[in-house]
Amino acid sequence: MEQNGYELLTATNGADGLRLFMFRPVEAIVLDNQLGLLDGGGVAAEIKKVKPVVPIVMLVGDVELPADALKSVDALVARCDGPHFLLATVHFVLNRSRHNVVKDG
């Protein structure tokens, strides 16, 4: 991601990620579904409550997730799809988000 011009902020768990999100401006989030104490769906829901326009890409081991986990994410990427697909997906959701901000604003 950094080789393609993106600045990365990382957190080791969902609670730390939420704190980081509250204090640092971000344009998009890549979120692992398996975060230990907080699952990715719960973290995504909290993020969308605060800033609903920030796109979230969720990394998953498989694509079968509970319906409530899917409500708050903008895209899913299977870990087995590899880094190029993740990069393309992040680029896509950022462009879509920026287009919507220009169109709405």
N, C-alpha and C. Protein backbone atom coordinates (compact mmCIF):
# COMPACT_ATOMS: atom_id res chain seq x y z
N MET A 1 0.83 -1.19 0.00
CA MET A 1 0.00 0.00 0.00
C MET A 1 0.88 1.26 0.00
N GLU A 2 1.90 1.27 0.85
CA GLU A 2 2.76 2.46 0.93
C GLU A 2 3.53 2.67 -0.37
N GLN A 3 3.87 1.58 -1.06
CA GLN A 3 4.58 1.70 -2.33
C GLN A 3 3.70 2.34 -3.40
N ASN A 4 2.41 2.37 -3.15
CA ASN A 4 1.47 2.97 -4.09
C ASN A 4 0.96 4.33 -3.62
N GLY A 5 1.66 4.94 -2.68
CA GLY A 5 1.35 6.29 -2.28
C GLY A 5 0.38 6.45 -1.12
N TYR A 6 -0.02 5.34 -0.50
CA TYR A 6 -0.93 5.43 0.63
C TYR A 6 -0.15 5.50 1.93
N GLU A 7 -0.60 6.35 2.84
CA GLU A 7 -0.03 6.39 4.19
C GLU A 7 -0.85 5.42 5.04
N LEU A 8 -0.18 4.56 5.79
CA LEU A 8 -0.87 3.56 6.60
C LEU A 8 -0.78 3.89 8.08
N LEU A 9 -1.89 3.72 8.75
CA LEU A 9 -1.94 3.75 10.21
C LEU A 9 -2.37 2.35 10.62
N THR A 10 -1.69 1.76 11.59
CA THR A 10 -2.03 0.40 11.97
C THR A 10 -2.37 0.31 13.45
N ALA A 11 -3.24 -0.64 13.75
CA ALA A 11 -3.61 -0.93 15.13
C ALA A 11 -3.58 -2.44 15.29
N THR A 12 -3.29 -2.90 16.49
CA THR A 12 -3.17 -4.33 16.73
C THR A 12 -4.48 -4.99 17.15
N ASN A 13 -5.50 -4.17 17.46
CA ASN A 13 -6.80 -4.74 17.82
C ASN A 13 -7.89 -3.71 17.53
N GLY A 14 -9.14 -4.14 17.63
CA GLY A 14 -10.26 -3.27 17.30
C GLY A 14 -10.37 -2.04 18.17
N ALA A 15 -10.16 -2.19 19.47
CA ALA A 15 -10.27 -1.04 20.39
C ALA A 15 -9.21 0.01 20.06
N ASP A 16 -7.97 -0.43 19.81
CA ASP A 16 -6.92 0.52 19.44
C ASP A 16 -7.22 1.17 18.10
N GLY A 17 -7.78 0.39 17.18
CA GLY A 17 -8.16 0.94 15.87
C GLY A 17 -9.21 2.02 15.99
N LEU A 18 -10.20 1.79 16.84
CA LEU A 18 -11.23 2.81 17.05
C LEU A 18 -10.65 4.09 17.64
N ARG A 19 -9.76 3.95 18.62
CA ARG A 19 -9.12 5.13 19.21
C ARG A 19 -8.31 5.88 18.16
N LEU A 20 -7.56 5.16 17.37
CA LEU A 20 -6.76 5.78 16.32
C LEU A 20 -7.66 6.51 15.32
N PHE A 21 -8.75 5.88 14.95
CA PHE A 21 -9.71 6.47 14.02
C PHE A 21 -10.29 7.78 14.56
N MET A 22 -10.52 7.84 15.86
CA MET A 22 -11.13 9.04 16.45
C MET A 22 -10.18 10.24 16.45
N PHE A 23 -8.87 9.97 16.45
CA PHE A 23 -7.91 11.07 16.59
C PHE A 23 -7.10 11.37 15.33
N ARG A 24 -7.24 10.56 14.30
CA ARG A 24 -6.47 10.79 13.07
C ARG A 24 -7.42 10.82 11.88
N PRO A 25 -7.24 11.76 10.98
CA PRO A 25 -8.09 11.77 9.78
C PRO A 25 -7.71 10.61 8.85
N VAL A 26 -8.71 9.91 8.37
CA VAL A 26 -8.48 8.81 7.43
C VAL A 26 -9.45 8.94 6.26
N GLU A 27 -9.02 8.44 5.12
CA GLU A 27 -9.87 8.46 3.93
C GLU A 27 -10.55 7.12 3.71
N ALA A 28 -9.94 6.04 4.19
CA ALA A 28 -10.52 4.70 4.03
C ALA A 28 -9.92 3.80 5.11
N ILE A 29 -10.62 2.69 5.34
CA ILE A 29 -10.18 1.75 6.36
C ILE A 29 -10.14 0.34 5.78
N VAL A 30 -9.05 -0.36 6.04
CA VAL A 30 -8.97 -1.79 5.77
C VAL A 30 -9.05 -2.46 7.13
N LEU A 31 -10.04 -3.30 7.29
CA LEU A 31 -10.38 -3.85 8.59
C LEU A 31 -10.44 -5.37 8.50
N ASP A 32 -9.72 -6.05 9.36
CA ASP A 32 -9.79 -7.50 9.41
C ASP A 32 -11.05 -7.91 10.16
N ASN A 33 -11.72 -8.93 9.67
CA ASN A 33 -12.94 -9.39 10.35
C ASN A 33 -12.63 -10.02 11.70
N GLN A 34 -11.45 -10.59 11.86
CA GLN A 34 -11.09 -11.27 13.10
C GLN A 34 -10.16 -10.38 13.90
N LEU A 35 -10.73 -9.71 14.90
CA LEU A 35 -9.95 -8.74 15.67
C LEU A 35 -9.80 -9.11 17.13
N GLY A 36 -10.11 -10.30 17.51
CA GLY A 36 -9.99 -10.67 18.91
C GLY A 36 -11.27 -10.33 19.66
N LEU A 37 -11.17 -9.46 20.66
CA LEU A 37 -12.31 -9.13 21.50
C LEU A 37 -13.44 -8.44 20.74
N LEU A 38 -13.11 -7.54 19.83
CA LEU A 38 -14.11 -6.88 19.00
C LEU A 38 -14.04 -7.46 17.60
N ASP A 39 -15.16 -7.93 17.07
CA ASP A 39 -15.12 -8.44 15.71
C ASP A 39 -15.16 -7.28 14.72
N GLY A 40 -14.76 -7.55 13.51
CA GLY A 40 -14.69 -6.50 12.49
C GLY A 40 -16.03 -5.85 12.21
N GLY A 41 -17.11 -6.63 12.24
CA GLY A 41 -18.43 -6.07 12.01
C GLY A 41 -18.81 -5.04 13.06
N GLY A 42 -18.49 -5.31 14.31
CA GLY A 42 -18.77 -4.37 15.39
C GLY A 42 -17.96 -3.10 15.27
N VAL A 43 -16.70 -3.25 14.93
CA VAL A 43 -15.83 -2.08 14.74
C VAL A 43 -16.32 -1.25 13.56
N ALA A 44 -16.68 -1.92 12.46
CA ALA A 44 -17.18 -1.20 11.29
C ALA A 44 -18.45 -0.41 11.63
N ALA A 45 -19.34 -1.01 12.40
CA ALA A 45 -20.58 -0.33 12.80
C ALA A 45 -20.27 0.92 13.62
N GLU A 46 -19.31 0.83 14.53
CA GLU A 46 -18.93 2.00 15.34
C GLU A 46 -18.33 3.10 14.47
N ILE A 47 -17.51 2.71 13.51
CA ILE A 47 -16.89 3.69 12.61
C ILE A 47 -17.97 4.41 11.81
N LYS A 48 -18.92 3.67 11.28
CA LYS A 48 -19.98 4.27 10.46
C LYS A 48 -20.89 5.18 11.27
N LYS A 49 -21.03 4.93 12.59
CA LYS A 49 -21.81 5.83 13.44
C LYS A 49 -21.14 7.20 13.51
N VAL A 50 -19.82 7.20 13.57
CA VAL A 50 -19.07 8.45 13.73
C VAL A 50 -18.88 9.15 12.39
N LYS A 51 -18.44 8.41 11.38
CA LYS A 51 -18.17 8.98 10.06
C LYS A 51 -18.69 8.04 8.99
N PRO A 52 -19.97 8.14 8.65
CA PRO A 52 -20.56 7.19 7.71
C PRO A 52 -20.00 7.24 6.30
N VAL A 53 -19.33 8.31 5.92
CA VAL A 53 -18.82 8.41 4.55
C VAL A 53 -17.45 7.76 4.36
N VAL A 54 -16.78 7.39 5.44
CA VAL A 54 -15.47 6.75 5.31
C VAL A 54 -15.67 5.31 4.82
N PRO A 55 -15.12 4.98 3.65
CA PRO A 55 -15.30 3.61 3.15
C PRO A 55 -14.49 2.60 3.94
N ILE A 56 -15.09 1.42 4.11
CA ILE A 56 -14.44 0.33 4.86
C ILE A 56 -14.34 -0.89 3.96
N VAL A 57 -13.12 -1.40 3.83
CA VAL A 57 -12.86 -2.66 3.14
C VAL A 57 -12.55 -3.69 4.21
N MET A 58 -13.30 -4.78 4.23
CA MET A 58 -13.09 -5.80 5.26
C MET A 58 -12.38 -7.01 4.66
N LEU A 59 -11.30 -7.42 5.34
CA LEU A 59 -10.59 -8.65 4.99
C LEU A 59 -11.28 -9.82 5.67
N VAL A 60 -11.55 -10.86 4.90
CA VAL A 60 -12.25 -12.01 5.45
C VAL A 60 -11.54 -13.30 5.06
N GLY A 61 -11.70 -14.31 5.92
CA GLY A 61 -11.18 -15.64 5.61
C GLY A 61 -12.08 -16.35 4.64
N ASP A 62 -13.34 -16.10 4.73
CA ASP A 62 -14.33 -16.60 3.77
C ASP A 62 -15.37 -15.50 3.59
N VAL A 63 -16.20 -15.63 2.60
CA VAL A 63 -17.14 -14.55 2.32
C VAL A 63 -18.49 -14.73 3.01
N GLU A 64 -18.63 -15.74 3.84
CA GLU A 64 -19.87 -15.92 4.58
C GLU A 64 -19.75 -15.23 5.93
N LEU A 65 -20.39 -14.09 6.02
CA LEU A 65 -20.39 -13.31 7.25
C LEU A 65 -21.83 -13.10 7.69
N PRO A 66 -22.04 -12.85 8.97
CA PRO A 66 -23.39 -12.51 9.41
C PRO A 66 -23.87 -11.24 8.70
N ALA A 67 -25.17 -11.19 8.42
CA ALA A 67 -25.74 -10.05 7.69
C ALA A 67 -25.45 -8.72 8.37
N ASP A 68 -25.46 -8.69 9.71
CA ASP A 68 -25.20 -7.43 10.40
C ASP A 68 -23.76 -6.96 10.19
N ALA A 69 -22.83 -7.87 9.97
CA ALA A 69 -21.44 -7.48 9.70
C ALA A 69 -21.31 -6.82 8.33
N LEU A 70 -22.18 -7.20 7.41
CA LEU A 70 -22.11 -6.65 6.06
C LEU A 70 -22.73 -5.27 5.93
N LYS A 71 -23.56 -4.88 6.86
CA LYS A 71 -24.26 -3.60 6.78
C LYS A 71 -23.32 -2.41 6.77
N SER A 72 -22.20 -2.51 7.44
CA SER A 72 -21.33 -1.36 7.64
C SER A 72 -20.08 -1.36 6.77
N VAL A 73 -19.94 -2.33 5.89
CA VAL A 73 -18.73 -2.37 5.05
C VAL A 73 -19.09 -2.03 3.61
N ASP A 74 -18.11 -1.47 2.91
CA ASP A 74 -18.31 -1.07 1.53
C ASP A 74 -17.80 -2.09 0.53
N ALA A 75 -16.87 -2.95 1.00
CA ALA A 75 -16.33 -3.99 0.12
C ALA A 75 -15.72 -5.10 0.97
N LEU A 76 -15.72 -6.30 0.42
CA LEU A 76 -15.08 -7.44 1.06
C LEU A 76 -13.92 -7.91 0.19
N VAL A 77 -12.84 -8.31 0.84
CA VAL A 77 -11.69 -8.90 0.14
C VAL A 77 -11.29 -10.15 0.91
N ALA A 78 -11.26 -11.28 0.23
CA ALA A 78 -10.80 -12.52 0.85
C ALA A 78 -9.28 -12.46 0.97
N ARG A 79 -8.77 -12.92 2.10
CA ARG A 79 -7.31 -12.90 2.30
C ARG A 79 -6.57 -13.62 1.17
N CYS A 80 -7.19 -14.67 0.63
CA CYS A 80 -6.54 -15.45 -0.42
C CYS A 80 -6.47 -14.70 -1.75
N ASP A 81 -7.20 -13.58 -1.89
CA ASP A 81 -7.17 -12.81 -3.14
C ASP A 81 -5.86 -12.08 -3.35
N GLY A 82 -5.13 -11.85 -2.29
CA GLY A 82 -3.80 -11.26 -2.41
C GLY A 82 -3.78 -9.74 -2.37
N PRO A 83 -2.58 -9.18 -2.27
CA PRO A 83 -2.41 -7.74 -2.08
C PRO A 83 -2.83 -6.90 -3.29
N HIS A 84 -2.70 -7.42 -4.50
CA HIS A 84 -3.07 -6.62 -5.67
C HIS A 84 -4.58 -6.38 -5.71
N PHE A 85 -5.35 -7.39 -5.34
CA PHE A 85 -6.81 -7.23 -5.30
C PHE A 85 -7.21 -6.28 -4.18
N LEU A 86 -6.55 -6.39 -3.03
CA LEU A 86 -6.82 -5.47 -1.93
C LEU A 86 -6.54 -4.03 -2.36
N LEU A 87 -5.40 -3.80 -2.98
CA LEU A 87 -5.04 -2.47 -3.45
C LEU A 87 -6.07 -1.94 -4.45
N ALA A 88 -6.48 -2.77 -5.39
CA ALA A 88 -7.47 -2.35 -6.38
C ALA A 88 -8.81 -2.02 -5.71
N THR A 89 -9.18 -2.78 -4.71
CA THR A 89 -10.44 -2.54 -4.01
C THR A 89 -10.38 -1.24 -3.22
N VAL A 90 -9.28 -1.00 -2.53
CA VAL A 90 -9.13 0.27 -1.78
C VAL A 90 -9.18 1.44 -2.76
N HIS A 91 -8.50 1.33 -3.86
CA HIS A 91 -8.51 2.39 -4.87
C HIS A 91 -9.93 2.63 -5.37
N PHE A 92 -10.67 1.57 -5.63
CA PHE A 92 -12.05 1.68 -6.11
C PHE A 92 -12.96 2.39 -5.09
N VAL A 93 -12.91 1.97 -3.81
CA VAL A 93 -13.81 2.58 -2.82
C VAL A 93 -13.42 4.04 -2.55
N LEU A 94 -12.14 4.35 -2.62
CA LEU A 94 -11.72 5.75 -2.46
C LEU A 94 -12.24 6.62 -3.60
N ASN A 95 -12.10 6.13 -4.82
CA ASN A 95 -12.59 6.90 -5.97
C ASN A 95 -14.10 7.07 -5.92
N ARG A 96 -14.81 6.02 -5.54
CA ARG A 96 -16.27 6.11 -5.42
C ARG A 96 -16.65 7.10 -4.33
N SER A 97 -15.94 7.06 -3.21
CA SER A 97 -16.22 7.97 -2.09
C SER A 97 -15.94 9.41 -2.49
N ARG A 98 -14.84 9.64 -3.14
CA ARG A 98 -14.49 11.01 -3.58
C ARG A 98 -15.49 11.52 -4.60
N HIS A 99 -15.94 10.66 -5.50
CA HIS A 99 -16.94 11.05 -6.50
C HIS A 99 -18.25 11.43 -5.82
N ASN A 100 -18.66 10.68 -4.83
CA ASN A 100 -19.91 10.97 -4.11
C ASN A 100 -19.81 12.27 -3.33
N VAL A 101 -18.64 12.57 -2.76
CA VAL A 101 -18.47 13.82 -2.02
C VAL A 101 -18.58 15.00 -2.98
N VAL A 102 -17.96 14.91 -4.15
CA VAL A 102 -18.01 15.99 -5.13
C VAL A 102 -19.44 16.14 -5.63
N LYS A 103 -20.11 15.03 -5.92
CA LYS A 103 -21.47 15.07 -6.45
C LYS A 103 -22.44 15.65 -5.42
N ASP A 104 -22.30 15.22 -4.16
CA ASP A 104 -23.20 15.67 -3.09
C ASP A 104 -22.85 17.04 -2.56
N GLY A 105 -21.57 17.39 -2.62
CA GLY A 105 -21.12 18.64 -2.00
C GLY A 105 -21.09 19.72 -2.97
